[in-house]
């Protein structure tokens, strides 16, 4: 029996990735954090494709796609993203990456580069993917689709605590402004904007614990 394909979209810091990992474990699925792929390309760009003023040179990046080998490897109980053989799962969570990833993610060339990789992983079934355009663009025929949202106050607190746990110093207001700007860019971009698929189930988890959110999602999966 073919295992389901599940798409989870939504705003930053609504718990998409951590929730997806737990659901994947419970249902025996493979979890793919698509945001890690865009962060991986952003990491590569910041290391290799900046102009003299420190900004990312997009044209240079597009010409160097052949140098980028992104893959997920099993490390313990989870899939970890590697760039050219290096574990970058910690590096890609920095504020510097967060501030630049929306620029990278809205480039058609980047999305096209990653599209087939993501679809090929899902072709065999048994996958849960989270991101911003999974249910609308990447996997429009997913068996189940969910869209997560939460208040900006709650998301700021979650992201701030996440960064603290990673040992990354920042200010709460900086995190809040970054989230608001990412929301704006992701929602307004011309290519694959962040939006709820017409057949996705919307879940506002502002006042829900992670466990409650997971239970609610699982209640919709037969």
N, C-alpha and C. Protein backbone atom coordinates (compact mmCIF):
# COMPACT_ATOMS: atom_id res chain seq x y z
N UNK A 1 0.84 -1.20 0.00
CA UNK A 1 0.00 0.00 0.00
C UNK A 1 0.87 1.25 0.00
N UNK A 2 0.58 2.16 -0.91
CA UNK A 2 1.36 3.40 -1.04
C UNK A 2 1.12 4.31 0.16
N UNK A 3 2.22 4.80 0.74
CA UNK A 3 2.09 5.74 1.85
C UNK A 3 1.76 7.13 1.32
N UNK A 4 1.10 7.96 2.13
CA UNK A 4 0.64 9.27 1.64
C UNK A 4 1.76 10.28 1.41
N UNK A 5 1.43 11.28 0.61
CA UNK A 5 2.28 12.46 0.42
C UNK A 5 1.56 13.62 1.10
N UNK A 6 2.26 14.28 2.01
CA UNK A 6 1.66 15.35 2.80
C UNK A 6 2.41 16.65 2.57
N UNK A 7 1.68 17.73 2.31
CA UNK A 7 2.26 19.06 2.11
C UNK A 7 1.88 19.95 3.28
N UNK A 8 2.88 20.57 3.89
CA UNK A 8 2.61 21.51 4.98
C UNK A 8 3.26 22.84 4.63
N UNK A 9 2.43 23.85 4.39
CA UNK A 9 2.90 25.19 4.07
C UNK A 9 2.58 26.13 5.23
N UNK A 10 3.12 27.34 5.16
CA UNK A 10 2.78 28.32 6.17
C UNK A 10 3.89 29.32 6.41
N UNK A 11 3.62 30.19 7.35
CA UNK A 11 4.55 31.27 7.67
C UNK A 11 5.75 30.78 8.47
N UNK A 12 6.79 31.60 8.50
CA UNK A 12 7.98 31.29 9.28
C UNK A 12 7.63 31.15 10.76
N UNK A 13 8.30 30.22 11.42
CA UNK A 13 8.18 30.04 12.87
C UNK A 13 6.78 29.64 13.32
N UNK A 14 6.08 28.90 12.47
CA UNK A 14 4.82 28.29 12.89
C UNK A 14 5.05 26.83 13.27
N UNK A 15 6.29 26.41 13.22
CA UNK A 15 6.63 25.05 13.63
C UNK A 15 6.55 24.02 12.52
N UNK A 16 6.53 24.49 11.27
CA UNK A 16 6.33 23.56 10.14
C UNK A 16 7.33 22.40 10.16
N UNK A 17 8.61 22.72 10.29
CA UNK A 17 9.64 21.68 10.18
C UNK A 17 9.62 20.72 11.36
N UNK A 18 9.59 21.25 12.57
CA UNK A 18 9.62 20.37 13.74
C UNK A 18 8.36 19.52 13.82
N UNK A 19 7.22 20.09 13.47
CA UNK A 19 5.96 19.35 13.45
C UNK A 19 6.00 18.27 12.38
N UNK A 20 6.52 18.61 11.21
CA UNK A 20 6.60 17.64 10.12
C UNK A 20 7.51 16.47 10.48
N UNK A 21 8.60 16.75 11.18
CA UNK A 21 9.52 15.68 11.59
C UNK A 21 8.82 14.68 12.50
N UNK A 22 8.04 15.19 13.44
CA UNK A 22 7.35 14.31 14.39
C UNK A 22 6.28 13.49 13.68
N UNK A 23 5.53 14.14 12.79
CA UNK A 23 4.50 13.42 12.05
C UNK A 23 5.13 12.36 11.16
N UNK A 24 6.25 12.70 10.55
CA UNK A 24 6.97 11.73 9.70
C UNK A 24 7.34 10.50 10.52
N UNK A 25 7.84 10.73 11.73
CA UNK A 25 8.24 9.61 12.60
C UNK A 25 7.03 8.76 12.99
N UNK A 26 5.93 9.42 13.31
CA UNK A 26 4.72 8.71 13.74
C UNK A 26 4.12 7.88 12.60
N UNK A 27 4.20 8.39 11.38
CA UNK A 27 3.55 7.72 10.25
C UNK A 27 4.52 6.90 9.39
N UNK A 28 5.80 6.93 9.75
CA UNK A 28 6.78 6.19 8.97
C UNK A 28 7.05 6.81 7.62
N UNK A 29 7.10 8.14 7.58
CA UNK A 29 7.33 8.87 6.33
C UNK A 29 8.73 9.47 6.32
N UNK A 30 9.16 9.92 5.15
CA UNK A 30 10.40 10.69 5.02
C UNK A 30 10.04 12.17 5.11
N UNK A 31 10.76 12.91 5.95
CA UNK A 31 10.51 14.35 6.06
C UNK A 31 11.53 15.12 5.26
N UNK A 32 11.05 16.05 4.45
CA UNK A 32 11.94 16.90 3.67
C UNK A 32 11.65 18.36 3.99
N UNK A 33 12.62 19.03 4.61
CA UNK A 33 12.52 20.45 4.94
C UNK A 33 13.01 21.24 3.73
N UNK A 34 12.06 21.67 2.88
CA UNK A 34 12.46 22.35 1.65
C UNK A 34 13.11 23.70 1.93
N UNK A 35 12.74 24.32 3.05
CA UNK A 35 13.36 25.59 3.39
C UNK A 35 14.86 25.46 3.57
N UNK A 36 15.29 24.28 4.02
CA UNK A 36 16.73 24.05 4.19
C UNK A 36 17.46 24.08 2.86
N UNK A 37 16.77 23.69 1.78
CA UNK A 37 17.39 23.74 0.46
C UNK A 37 17.65 25.18 0.03
N UNK A 38 16.66 26.05 0.24
CA UNK A 38 16.83 27.46 -0.12
C UNK A 38 17.87 28.13 0.77
N UNK A 39 17.88 27.74 2.02
CA UNK A 39 18.90 28.28 2.93
C UNK A 39 20.29 27.77 2.52
N UNK A 40 20.35 26.54 2.02
CA UNK A 40 21.62 26.00 1.57
C UNK A 40 22.18 26.76 0.38
N UNK A 41 21.31 27.12 -0.55
CA UNK A 41 21.75 27.91 -1.70
C UNK A 41 22.15 29.31 -1.25
N UNK A 42 21.42 29.86 -0.28
CA UNK A 42 21.78 31.17 0.26
C UNK A 42 23.15 31.12 0.92
N UNK A 43 23.40 30.05 1.65
CA UNK A 43 24.71 29.86 2.30
C UNK A 43 25.82 29.81 1.24
N UNK A 44 25.59 29.05 0.18
CA UNK A 44 26.58 28.96 -0.91
C UNK A 44 26.82 30.34 -1.53
N UNK A 45 25.71 31.07 -1.76
CA UNK A 45 25.82 32.38 -2.40
C UNK A 45 26.62 33.37 -1.55
N UNK A 46 26.37 33.36 -0.25
CA UNK A 46 27.08 34.28 0.63
C UNK A 46 28.56 33.94 0.74
N UNK A 47 28.89 32.68 0.57
CA UNK A 47 30.28 32.25 0.65
C UNK A 47 31.03 32.43 -0.68
N UNK A 48 30.29 32.36 -1.79
CA UNK A 48 30.97 32.29 -3.09
C UNK A 48 30.53 33.32 -4.13
N UNK A 49 29.41 33.99 -3.93
CA UNK A 49 28.85 34.81 -5.00
C UNK A 49 28.47 36.21 -4.54
N UNK A 50 29.35 36.86 -3.78
CA UNK A 50 29.08 38.23 -3.36
C UNK A 50 29.90 39.21 -4.19
N UNK A 51 29.33 40.38 -4.41
CA UNK A 51 30.04 41.43 -5.13
C UNK A 51 30.91 42.22 -4.16
N UNK A 52 31.62 43.20 -4.66
CA UNK A 52 32.55 43.96 -3.82
C UNK A 52 31.84 44.71 -2.70
N UNK A 53 30.54 45.01 -2.88
CA UNK A 53 29.80 45.72 -1.83
C UNK A 53 29.18 44.76 -0.82
N UNK A 54 29.45 43.47 -0.98
CA UNK A 54 28.96 42.49 -0.03
C UNK A 54 27.60 41.90 -0.35
N UNK A 55 26.95 42.41 -1.39
CA UNK A 55 25.64 41.89 -1.78
C UNK A 55 25.79 40.64 -2.64
N UNK A 56 24.75 39.81 -2.66
CA UNK A 56 24.78 38.59 -3.47
C UNK A 56 24.67 38.94 -4.95
N UNK A 57 25.58 38.39 -5.74
CA UNK A 57 25.57 38.56 -7.20
C UNK A 57 24.75 37.41 -7.78
N UNK A 58 23.49 37.69 -8.07
CA UNK A 58 22.58 36.64 -8.52
C UNK A 58 23.02 36.01 -9.83
N UNK A 59 23.49 36.82 -10.77
CA UNK A 59 23.92 36.30 -12.06
C UNK A 59 25.05 35.29 -11.88
N UNK A 60 25.98 35.63 -11.01
CA UNK A 60 27.10 34.73 -10.71
C UNK A 60 26.58 33.43 -10.09
N UNK A 61 25.62 33.56 -9.18
CA UNK A 61 25.04 32.38 -8.55
C UNK A 61 24.40 31.45 -9.57
N UNK A 62 23.59 32.02 -10.46
CA UNK A 62 22.90 31.20 -11.46
C UNK A 62 23.89 30.44 -12.35
N UNK A 63 25.03 31.05 -12.60
CA UNK A 63 26.04 30.42 -13.46
C UNK A 63 26.79 29.30 -12.75
N UNK A 64 26.64 29.24 -11.42
CA UNK A 64 27.41 28.28 -10.64
C UNK A 64 26.55 27.16 -10.04
N UNK A 65 25.34 27.01 -10.54
CA UNK A 65 24.46 25.95 -10.02
C UNK A 65 25.12 24.57 -10.11
N UNK A 66 25.93 24.38 -11.16
CA UNK A 66 26.56 23.06 -11.34
C UNK A 66 27.55 22.75 -10.22
N UNK A 67 27.93 23.76 -9.45
CA UNK A 67 28.86 23.55 -8.33
C UNK A 67 28.12 23.22 -7.03
N UNK A 68 26.80 23.27 -7.08
CA UNK A 68 26.00 23.08 -5.87
C UNK A 68 25.42 21.67 -5.83
N UNK A 69 25.83 20.92 -4.85
CA UNK A 69 25.28 19.57 -4.63
C UNK A 69 24.62 19.54 -3.25
N UNK A 70 23.31 19.72 -3.24
CA UNK A 70 22.55 19.67 -1.99
C UNK A 70 21.92 18.30 -1.85
N UNK A 71 22.02 17.72 -0.68
CA UNK A 71 21.41 16.41 -0.45
C UNK A 71 21.06 16.25 1.02
N UNK A 72 20.10 15.38 1.27
CA UNK A 72 19.73 15.05 2.64
C UNK A 72 20.29 13.68 2.98
N UNK A 73 20.94 13.60 4.14
CA UNK A 73 21.49 12.33 4.60
C UNK A 73 20.90 11.98 5.96
N UNK A 74 20.72 10.70 6.17
CA UNK A 74 20.18 10.23 7.44
C UNK A 74 21.24 10.35 8.52
N UNK A 75 20.95 11.14 9.55
CA UNK A 75 21.84 11.27 10.70
C UNK A 75 20.99 10.99 11.94
N UNK A 76 21.18 9.84 12.54
CA UNK A 76 20.32 9.45 13.65
C UNK A 76 18.91 9.19 13.14
N UNK A 77 17.95 9.92 13.72
CA UNK A 77 16.55 9.73 13.34
C UNK A 77 16.05 10.77 12.35
N UNK A 78 16.93 11.61 11.83
CA UNK A 78 16.45 12.66 10.94
C UNK A 78 17.32 12.84 9.70
N UNK A 79 16.73 13.50 8.71
CA UNK A 79 17.46 13.85 7.50
C UNK A 79 18.13 15.20 7.70
N UNK A 80 19.41 15.25 7.44
CA UNK A 80 20.19 16.49 7.63
C UNK A 80 20.68 16.96 6.27
N UNK A 81 20.64 18.27 6.05
CA UNK A 81 21.04 18.82 4.76
C UNK A 81 22.55 19.00 4.69
N UNK A 82 23.11 18.55 3.57
CA UNK A 82 24.55 18.67 3.31
C UNK A 82 24.75 19.48 2.03
N UNK A 83 25.75 20.31 2.01
CA UNK A 83 26.15 21.05 0.82
C UNK A 83 27.55 20.61 0.44
N UNK A 84 27.67 19.98 -0.72
CA UNK A 84 28.96 19.50 -1.21
C UNK A 84 29.69 18.67 -0.15
N UNK A 85 28.94 17.80 0.50
CA UNK A 85 29.52 16.88 1.48
C UNK A 85 29.67 17.41 2.88
N UNK A 86 29.27 18.67 3.12
CA UNK A 86 29.41 19.29 4.44
C UNK A 86 28.05 19.47 5.10
N UNK A 87 27.95 19.08 6.36
CA UNK A 87 26.73 19.28 7.14
C UNK A 87 26.58 20.78 7.42
N UNK A 88 25.53 21.39 6.86
CA UNK A 88 25.33 22.83 7.05
C UNK A 88 24.06 23.12 7.85
N UNK A 89 23.54 22.10 8.52
CA UNK A 89 22.25 22.24 9.21
C UNK A 89 22.27 23.33 10.28
N UNK A 90 23.40 23.55 10.92
CA UNK A 90 23.51 24.61 11.93
C UNK A 90 23.78 25.96 11.28
N UNK A 91 24.68 25.98 10.31
CA UNK A 91 25.07 27.24 9.65
C UNK A 91 23.89 27.97 9.02
N UNK A 92 22.95 27.23 8.45
CA UNK A 92 21.87 27.86 7.69
C UNK A 92 20.78 28.47 8.57
N UNK A 93 20.91 28.36 9.89
CA UNK A 93 19.90 28.93 10.78
C UNK A 93 20.29 30.31 11.31
N UNK A 94 21.39 30.85 10.83
CA UNK A 94 21.86 32.15 11.33
C UNK A 94 20.96 33.28 10.84
N UNK A 95 21.03 34.42 11.54
CA UNK A 95 20.26 35.60 11.14
C UNK A 95 20.68 36.09 9.76
N UNK A 96 21.97 35.96 9.45
CA UNK A 96 22.47 36.41 8.14
C UNK A 96 21.77 35.65 7.02
N UNK A 97 21.62 34.35 7.19
CA UNK A 97 20.92 33.54 6.19
C UNK A 97 19.45 33.93 6.16
N UNK A 98 18.83 34.09 7.32
CA UNK A 98 17.41 34.44 7.39
C UNK A 98 17.12 35.75 6.68
N UNK A 99 18.04 36.69 6.76
CA UNK A 99 17.84 38.00 6.14
C UNK A 99 17.96 37.96 4.62
N UNK A 100 18.63 36.93 4.09
CA UNK A 100 18.89 36.87 2.65
C UNK A 100 18.08 35.80 1.92
N UNK A 101 17.51 34.84 2.67
CA UNK A 101 16.92 33.67 2.01
C UNK A 101 15.70 34.02 1.16
N UNK A 102 14.93 35.04 1.56
CA UNK A 102 13.75 35.40 0.76
C UNK A 102 14.16 35.93 -0.61
N UNK A 103 15.29 36.65 -0.68
CA UNK A 103 15.81 37.13 -1.96
C UNK A 103 16.12 35.95 -2.87
N UNK A 104 16.77 34.94 -2.31
CA UNK A 104 17.13 33.76 -3.08
C UNK A 104 15.89 32.97 -3.48
N UNK A 105 14.97 32.80 -2.54
CA UNK A 105 13.80 31.95 -2.78
C UNK A 105 12.85 32.51 -3.81
N UNK A 106 12.89 33.82 -4.04
CA UNK A 106 11.95 34.38 -5.01
C UNK A 106 12.50 34.40 -6.44
N UNK A 107 13.72 33.88 -6.62
CA UNK A 107 14.31 33.83 -7.95
C UNK A 107 13.80 32.61 -8.72
N UNK A 108 13.25 32.84 -9.88
CA UNK A 108 12.70 31.74 -10.69
C UNK A 108 13.77 30.70 -10.99
N UNK A 109 14.98 31.16 -11.26
CA UNK A 109 16.07 30.24 -11.60
C UNK A 109 16.35 29.27 -10.45
N UNK A 110 16.31 29.78 -9.24
CA UNK A 110 16.55 28.94 -8.07
C UNK A 110 15.42 27.94 -7.87
N UNK A 111 14.19 28.41 -8.01
CA UNK A 111 13.04 27.53 -7.79
C UNK A 111 12.99 26.43 -8.85
N UNK A 112 13.32 26.79 -10.08
CA UNK A 112 13.36 25.79 -11.14
C UNK A 112 14.46 24.76 -10.87
N UNK A 113 15.58 25.22 -10.37
CA UNK A 113 16.72 24.35 -10.06
C UNK A 113 16.34 23.29 -9.03
N UNK A 114 15.50 23.68 -8.05
CA UNK A 114 15.14 22.78 -6.96
C UNK A 114 13.85 22.00 -7.19
N UNK A 115 13.05 22.44 -8.16
CA UNK A 115 11.72 21.86 -8.36
C UNK A 115 11.75 20.35 -8.60
N UNK A 116 12.51 19.92 -9.59
CA UNK A 116 12.53 18.50 -9.95
C UNK A 116 13.12 17.65 -8.83
N UNK A 117 14.10 18.20 -8.11
CA UNK A 117 14.69 17.47 -6.99
C UNK A 117 13.61 17.14 -5.95
N UNK A 118 12.78 18.12 -5.65
CA UNK A 118 11.75 17.93 -4.64
C UNK A 118 10.66 16.97 -5.14
N UNK A 119 10.25 17.13 -6.38
CA UNK A 119 9.20 16.26 -6.92
C UNK A 119 9.66 14.82 -7.03
N UNK A 120 10.91 14.62 -7.42
CA UNK A 120 11.42 13.26 -7.59
C UNK A 120 11.45 12.51 -6.26
N UNK A 121 11.72 13.24 -5.18
CA UNK A 121 11.74 12.63 -3.86
C UNK A 121 10.34 12.15 -3.47
N UNK A 122 9.32 12.92 -3.89
CA UNK A 122 7.94 12.61 -3.51
C UNK A 122 7.27 11.58 -4.41
N UNK A 123 7.86 11.31 -5.57
CA UNK A 123 7.22 10.43 -6.55
C UNK A 123 6.85 9.05 -6.00
N UNK A 124 7.67 8.55 -5.11
CA UNK A 124 7.45 7.20 -4.60
C UNK A 124 6.45 7.17 -3.44
N UNK A 125 6.01 8.35 -2.98
CA UNK A 125 5.09 8.41 -1.85
C UNK A 125 5.83 8.32 -0.53
N UNK A 126 5.07 8.37 0.55
CA UNK A 126 5.68 8.25 1.87
C UNK A 126 6.53 9.43 2.27
N UNK A 127 6.09 10.65 1.88
CA UNK A 127 6.88 11.86 2.12
C UNK A 127 6.01 12.95 2.74
N UNK A 128 6.58 13.69 3.67
CA UNK A 128 5.95 14.91 4.16
C UNK A 128 6.93 16.05 3.91
N UNK A 129 6.49 17.06 3.17
CA UNK A 129 7.32 18.22 2.84
C UNK A 129 6.72 19.47 3.46
N UNK A 130 7.59 20.33 3.95
CA UNK A 130 7.10 21.61 4.45
C UNK A 130 7.83 22.75 3.76
N UNK A 131 7.13 23.85 3.58
CA UNK A 131 7.71 25.01 2.92
C UNK A 131 6.69 26.11 2.76
N UNK A 132 6.73 26.80 1.62
CA UNK A 132 5.82 27.90 1.38
C UNK A 132 4.96 27.71 0.12
N UNK A 133 5.39 26.80 -0.74
CA UNK A 133 4.63 26.58 -1.97
C UNK A 133 4.48 25.10 -2.29
N UNK A 134 4.51 24.27 -1.27
CA UNK A 134 4.46 22.82 -1.49
C UNK A 134 3.10 22.41 -2.05
N UNK A 135 2.03 22.85 -1.40
CA UNK A 135 0.69 22.47 -1.85
C UNK A 135 0.22 23.17 -3.11
N UNK A 136 0.81 24.33 -3.41
CA UNK A 136 0.39 25.10 -4.58
C UNK A 136 1.23 24.81 -5.82
N UNK A 137 2.54 24.61 -5.65
CA UNK A 137 3.45 24.49 -6.80
C UNK A 137 4.18 23.15 -6.84
N UNK A 138 4.85 22.80 -5.76
CA UNK A 138 5.72 21.62 -5.77
C UNK A 138 4.92 20.33 -5.86
N UNK A 139 3.94 20.18 -4.97
CA UNK A 139 3.15 18.95 -4.92
C UNK A 139 1.66 19.28 -4.94
N UNK A 140 1.16 19.80 -6.07
CA UNK A 140 -0.26 20.18 -6.13
C UNK A 140 -1.22 19.01 -5.97
N UNK A 141 -0.72 17.79 -6.17
CA UNK A 141 -1.57 16.60 -6.05
C UNK A 141 -1.31 15.83 -4.76
N UNK A 142 -0.75 16.49 -3.78
CA UNK A 142 -0.49 15.84 -2.49
C UNK A 142 -1.78 15.27 -1.92
N UNK A 143 -1.67 14.17 -1.20
CA UNK A 143 -2.85 13.53 -0.62
C UNK A 143 -3.48 14.39 0.48
N UNK A 144 -2.64 15.08 1.22
CA UNK A 144 -3.12 15.95 2.30
C UNK A 144 -2.34 17.26 2.27
N UNK A 145 -3.05 18.36 2.49
CA UNK A 145 -2.41 19.67 2.50
C UNK A 145 -2.84 20.45 3.74
N UNK A 146 -1.86 21.10 4.37
CA UNK A 146 -2.14 21.92 5.54
C UNK A 146 -1.42 23.26 5.40
N UNK A 147 -2.01 24.29 5.99
CA UNK A 147 -1.41 25.62 5.96
C UNK A 147 -1.39 26.15 7.39
N UNK A 148 -0.18 26.37 7.92
CA UNK A 148 -0.02 26.81 9.30
C UNK A 148 0.20 28.32 9.40
N UNK A 149 -0.46 28.92 10.37
CA UNK A 149 -0.28 30.34 10.63
C UNK A 149 -0.29 30.57 12.14
N UNK A 150 0.19 31.73 12.57
CA UNK A 150 0.19 32.11 13.98
C UNK A 150 0.43 33.61 14.05
N UNK A 151 0.14 34.21 15.17
CA UNK A 151 0.33 35.65 15.33
C UNK A 151 1.80 36.01 15.25
N UNK A 152 2.09 37.25 14.86
CA UNK A 152 3.48 37.69 14.75
C UNK A 152 4.16 37.69 16.11
N UNK A 153 3.40 37.97 17.17
CA UNK A 153 3.97 37.97 18.51
C UNK A 153 4.44 36.56 18.91
N UNK A 154 3.60 35.60 18.66
CA UNK A 154 3.93 34.22 19.01
C UNK A 154 5.09 33.72 18.15
N UNK A 155 5.08 34.04 16.88
CA UNK A 155 6.16 33.57 16.00
C UNK A 155 7.49 34.22 16.36
N UNK A 156 7.45 35.49 16.75
CA UNK A 156 8.68 36.17 17.18
C UNK A 156 9.27 35.48 18.39
N UNK A 157 8.43 35.16 19.35
CA UNK A 157 8.90 34.50 20.57
C UNK A 157 9.50 33.13 20.25
N UNK A 158 8.85 32.38 19.38
CA UNK A 158 9.35 31.05 19.03
C UNK A 158 10.70 31.13 18.33
N UNK A 159 10.82 32.05 17.38
CA UNK A 159 12.07 32.19 16.63
C UNK A 159 13.19 32.68 17.53
N UNK A 160 12.88 33.62 18.42
CA UNK A 160 13.88 34.16 19.35
C UNK A 160 14.43 33.05 20.24
N UNK A 161 13.53 32.22 20.78
CA UNK A 161 13.95 31.12 21.64
C UNK A 161 14.77 30.08 20.87
N UNK A 162 14.38 29.85 19.61
CA UNK A 162 15.12 28.91 18.76
C UNK A 162 16.55 29.38 18.57
N UNK A 163 16.73 30.66 18.28
CA UNK A 163 18.07 31.20 18.06
C UNK A 163 18.89 31.15 19.35
N UNK A 164 18.24 31.42 20.47
CA UNK A 164 18.95 31.35 21.75
C UNK A 164 19.47 29.93 22.00
N UNK A 165 18.64 28.93 21.71
CA UNK A 165 19.04 27.54 21.92
C UNK A 165 20.22 27.16 21.02
N UNK A 166 20.29 27.81 19.86
CA UNK A 166 21.38 27.55 18.93
C UNK A 166 22.64 28.36 19.28
N UNK A 167 22.53 29.17 20.34
CA UNK A 167 23.66 29.98 20.77
C UNK A 167 23.90 31.21 19.92
N UNK A 168 22.86 31.67 19.22
CA UNK A 168 22.98 32.84 18.35
C UNK A 168 22.36 34.05 19.03
N UNK A 169 23.17 35.04 19.34
CA UNK A 169 22.70 36.23 20.03
C UNK A 169 21.96 37.18 19.08
N UNK A 170 20.82 37.66 19.51
CA UNK A 170 20.05 38.61 18.71
C UNK A 170 19.05 39.31 19.61
N UNK A 171 18.37 40.33 19.08
CA UNK A 171 17.35 41.04 19.82
C UNK A 171 15.97 40.60 19.34
N UNK A 172 15.02 40.57 20.24
CA UNK A 172 13.67 40.15 19.90
C UNK A 172 13.07 41.03 18.80
N UNK A 173 13.31 42.34 18.87
CA UNK A 173 12.76 43.25 17.87
C UNK A 173 13.37 43.00 16.50
N UNK A 174 14.65 42.63 16.47
CA UNK A 174 15.30 42.29 15.21
C UNK A 174 14.63 41.08 14.58
N UNK A 175 14.33 40.10 15.40
CA UNK A 175 13.66 38.89 14.92
C UNK A 175 12.28 39.24 14.38
N UNK A 176 11.55 40.09 15.12
CA UNK A 176 10.20 40.48 14.71
C UNK A 176 10.21 41.18 13.36
N UNK A 177 11.12 42.13 13.19
CA UNK A 177 11.21 42.88 11.93
C UNK A 177 11.58 41.95 10.77
N UNK A 178 12.48 41.01 11.05
CA UNK A 178 12.89 40.06 10.02
C UNK A 178 11.72 39.19 9.57
N UNK A 179 10.91 38.74 10.52
CA UNK A 179 9.75 37.91 10.19
C UNK A 179 8.72 38.68 9.37
N UNK A 180 8.47 39.92 9.76
CA UNK A 180 7.51 40.75 9.03
C UNK A 180 7.98 40.98 7.60
N UNK A 181 9.27 41.26 7.43
CA UNK A 181 9.81 41.50 6.10
C UNK A 181 9.76 40.23 5.26
N UNK A 182 10.07 39.09 5.87
CA UNK A 182 10.01 37.83 5.13
C UNK A 182 8.57 37.51 4.73
N UNK A 183 7.62 37.78 5.61
CA UNK A 183 6.21 37.58 5.27
C UNK A 183 5.84 38.39 4.04
N UNK A 184 6.27 39.64 4.04
CA UNK A 184 5.94 40.55 2.93
C UNK A 184 6.56 40.06 1.63
N UNK A 185 7.83 39.75 1.67
CA UNK A 185 8.53 39.32 0.46
C UNK A 185 7.97 38.00 -0.05
N UNK A 186 7.77 37.05 0.85
CA UNK A 186 7.29 35.72 0.44
C UNK A 186 5.87 35.78 -0.13
N UNK A 187 5.05 36.65 0.42
CA UNK A 187 3.66 36.75 -0.03
C UNK A 187 3.50 37.54 -1.32
N UNK A 188 4.42 38.48 -1.55
CA UNK A 188 4.30 39.37 -2.70
C UNK A 188 5.15 38.97 -3.90
N UNK A 189 6.03 37.98 -3.73
CA UNK A 189 6.91 37.64 -4.84
C UNK A 189 6.10 37.09 -6.02
N UNK A 190 6.60 37.34 -7.21
CA UNK A 190 5.90 36.94 -8.43
C UNK A 190 5.95 35.42 -8.64
N UNK A 191 7.06 34.82 -8.27
CA UNK A 191 7.24 33.38 -8.50
C UNK A 191 6.88 32.60 -7.24
N UNK A 192 5.88 31.73 -7.35
CA UNK A 192 5.48 30.83 -6.26
C UNK A 192 5.33 31.54 -4.93
N UNK A 193 4.42 32.51 -4.84
CA UNK A 193 4.25 33.24 -3.58
C UNK A 193 3.68 32.35 -2.48
N UNK A 194 3.92 32.76 -1.24
CA UNK A 194 3.34 32.07 -0.10
C UNK A 194 1.84 32.32 -0.06
N UNK A 195 1.07 31.26 -0.19
CA UNK A 195 -0.38 31.38 -0.08
C UNK A 195 -0.97 30.01 0.21
N UNK A 196 -2.17 30.02 0.75
CA UNK A 196 -2.85 28.78 1.08
C UNK A 196 -3.43 28.15 -0.18
N UNK A 197 -3.16 26.87 -0.39
CA UNK A 197 -3.78 26.15 -1.50
C UNK A 197 -5.29 26.09 -1.24
N UNK A 198 -6.07 26.12 -2.30
CA UNK A 198 -7.52 26.18 -2.13
C UNK A 198 -8.06 24.97 -1.38
N UNK A 199 -7.36 23.85 -1.46
CA UNK A 199 -7.84 22.63 -0.80
C UNK A 199 -7.04 22.28 0.45
N UNK A 200 -6.28 23.25 0.97
CA UNK A 200 -5.49 23.01 2.18
C UNK A 200 -6.32 23.32 3.43
N UNK A 201 -6.02 22.62 4.50
CA UNK A 201 -6.67 22.86 5.79
C UNK A 201 -5.84 23.89 6.55
N UNK A 202 -6.46 25.00 6.91
CA UNK A 202 -5.75 26.07 7.62
C UNK A 202 -5.77 25.81 9.12
N UNK A 203 -4.61 25.95 9.74
CA UNK A 203 -4.50 25.76 11.19
C UNK A 203 -3.76 26.95 11.80
N UNK A 204 -4.44 27.69 12.65
CA UNK A 204 -3.82 28.78 13.40
C UNK A 204 -3.38 28.20 14.74
N UNK A 205 -2.08 28.10 14.94
CA UNK A 205 -1.60 27.49 16.18
C UNK A 205 -1.02 28.50 17.16
N UNK A 206 -1.51 29.74 17.09
CA UNK A 206 -1.06 30.78 18.03
C UNK A 206 -1.23 30.33 19.47
N UNK A 207 -2.35 29.67 19.74
CA UNK A 207 -2.67 29.25 21.10
C UNK A 207 -2.65 27.74 21.27
N UNK A 208 -2.00 27.06 20.34
CA UNK A 208 -1.88 25.62 20.42
C UNK A 208 -0.44 25.22 20.72
N UNK A 209 -0.27 24.20 21.52
CA UNK A 209 1.07 23.66 21.72
C UNK A 209 1.46 22.86 20.49
N UNK A 210 2.72 22.51 20.41
CA UNK A 210 3.18 21.69 19.29
C UNK A 210 2.43 20.36 19.28
N UNK A 211 2.27 19.77 20.46
CA UNK A 211 1.57 18.49 20.56
C UNK A 211 0.12 18.62 20.07
N UNK A 212 -0.55 19.70 20.44
CA UNK A 212 -1.94 19.91 20.03
C UNK A 212 -2.04 20.11 18.52
N UNK A 213 -1.07 20.83 17.95
CA UNK A 213 -1.06 21.05 16.50
C UNK A 213 -0.87 19.72 15.77
N UNK A 214 0.03 18.91 16.25
CA UNK A 214 0.28 17.60 15.64
C UNK A 214 -0.96 16.72 15.72
N UNK A 215 -1.60 16.71 16.86
CA UNK A 215 -2.81 15.89 17.04
C UNK A 215 -3.92 16.35 16.11
N UNK A 216 -4.02 17.67 15.92
CA UNK A 216 -5.05 18.21 15.03
C UNK A 216 -4.78 17.80 13.58
N UNK A 217 -3.53 17.89 13.16
CA UNK A 217 -3.18 17.47 11.80
C UNK A 217 -3.44 15.98 11.61
N UNK A 218 -3.02 15.18 12.55
CA UNK A 218 -3.20 13.73 12.45
C UNK A 218 -4.67 13.34 12.42
N UNK A 219 -5.52 14.16 13.05
CA UNK A 219 -6.94 13.85 13.06
C UNK A 219 -7.57 13.95 11.67
N UNK A 220 -6.90 14.66 10.76
CA UNK A 220 -7.39 14.82 9.39
C UNK A 220 -6.82 13.77 8.44
N UNK A 221 -5.83 12.99 8.92
CA UNK A 221 -5.19 12.01 8.06
C UNK A 221 -5.72 10.62 8.36
N UNK A 222 -6.33 10.02 7.37
CA UNK A 222 -6.92 8.69 7.58
C UNK A 222 -5.96 7.59 7.13
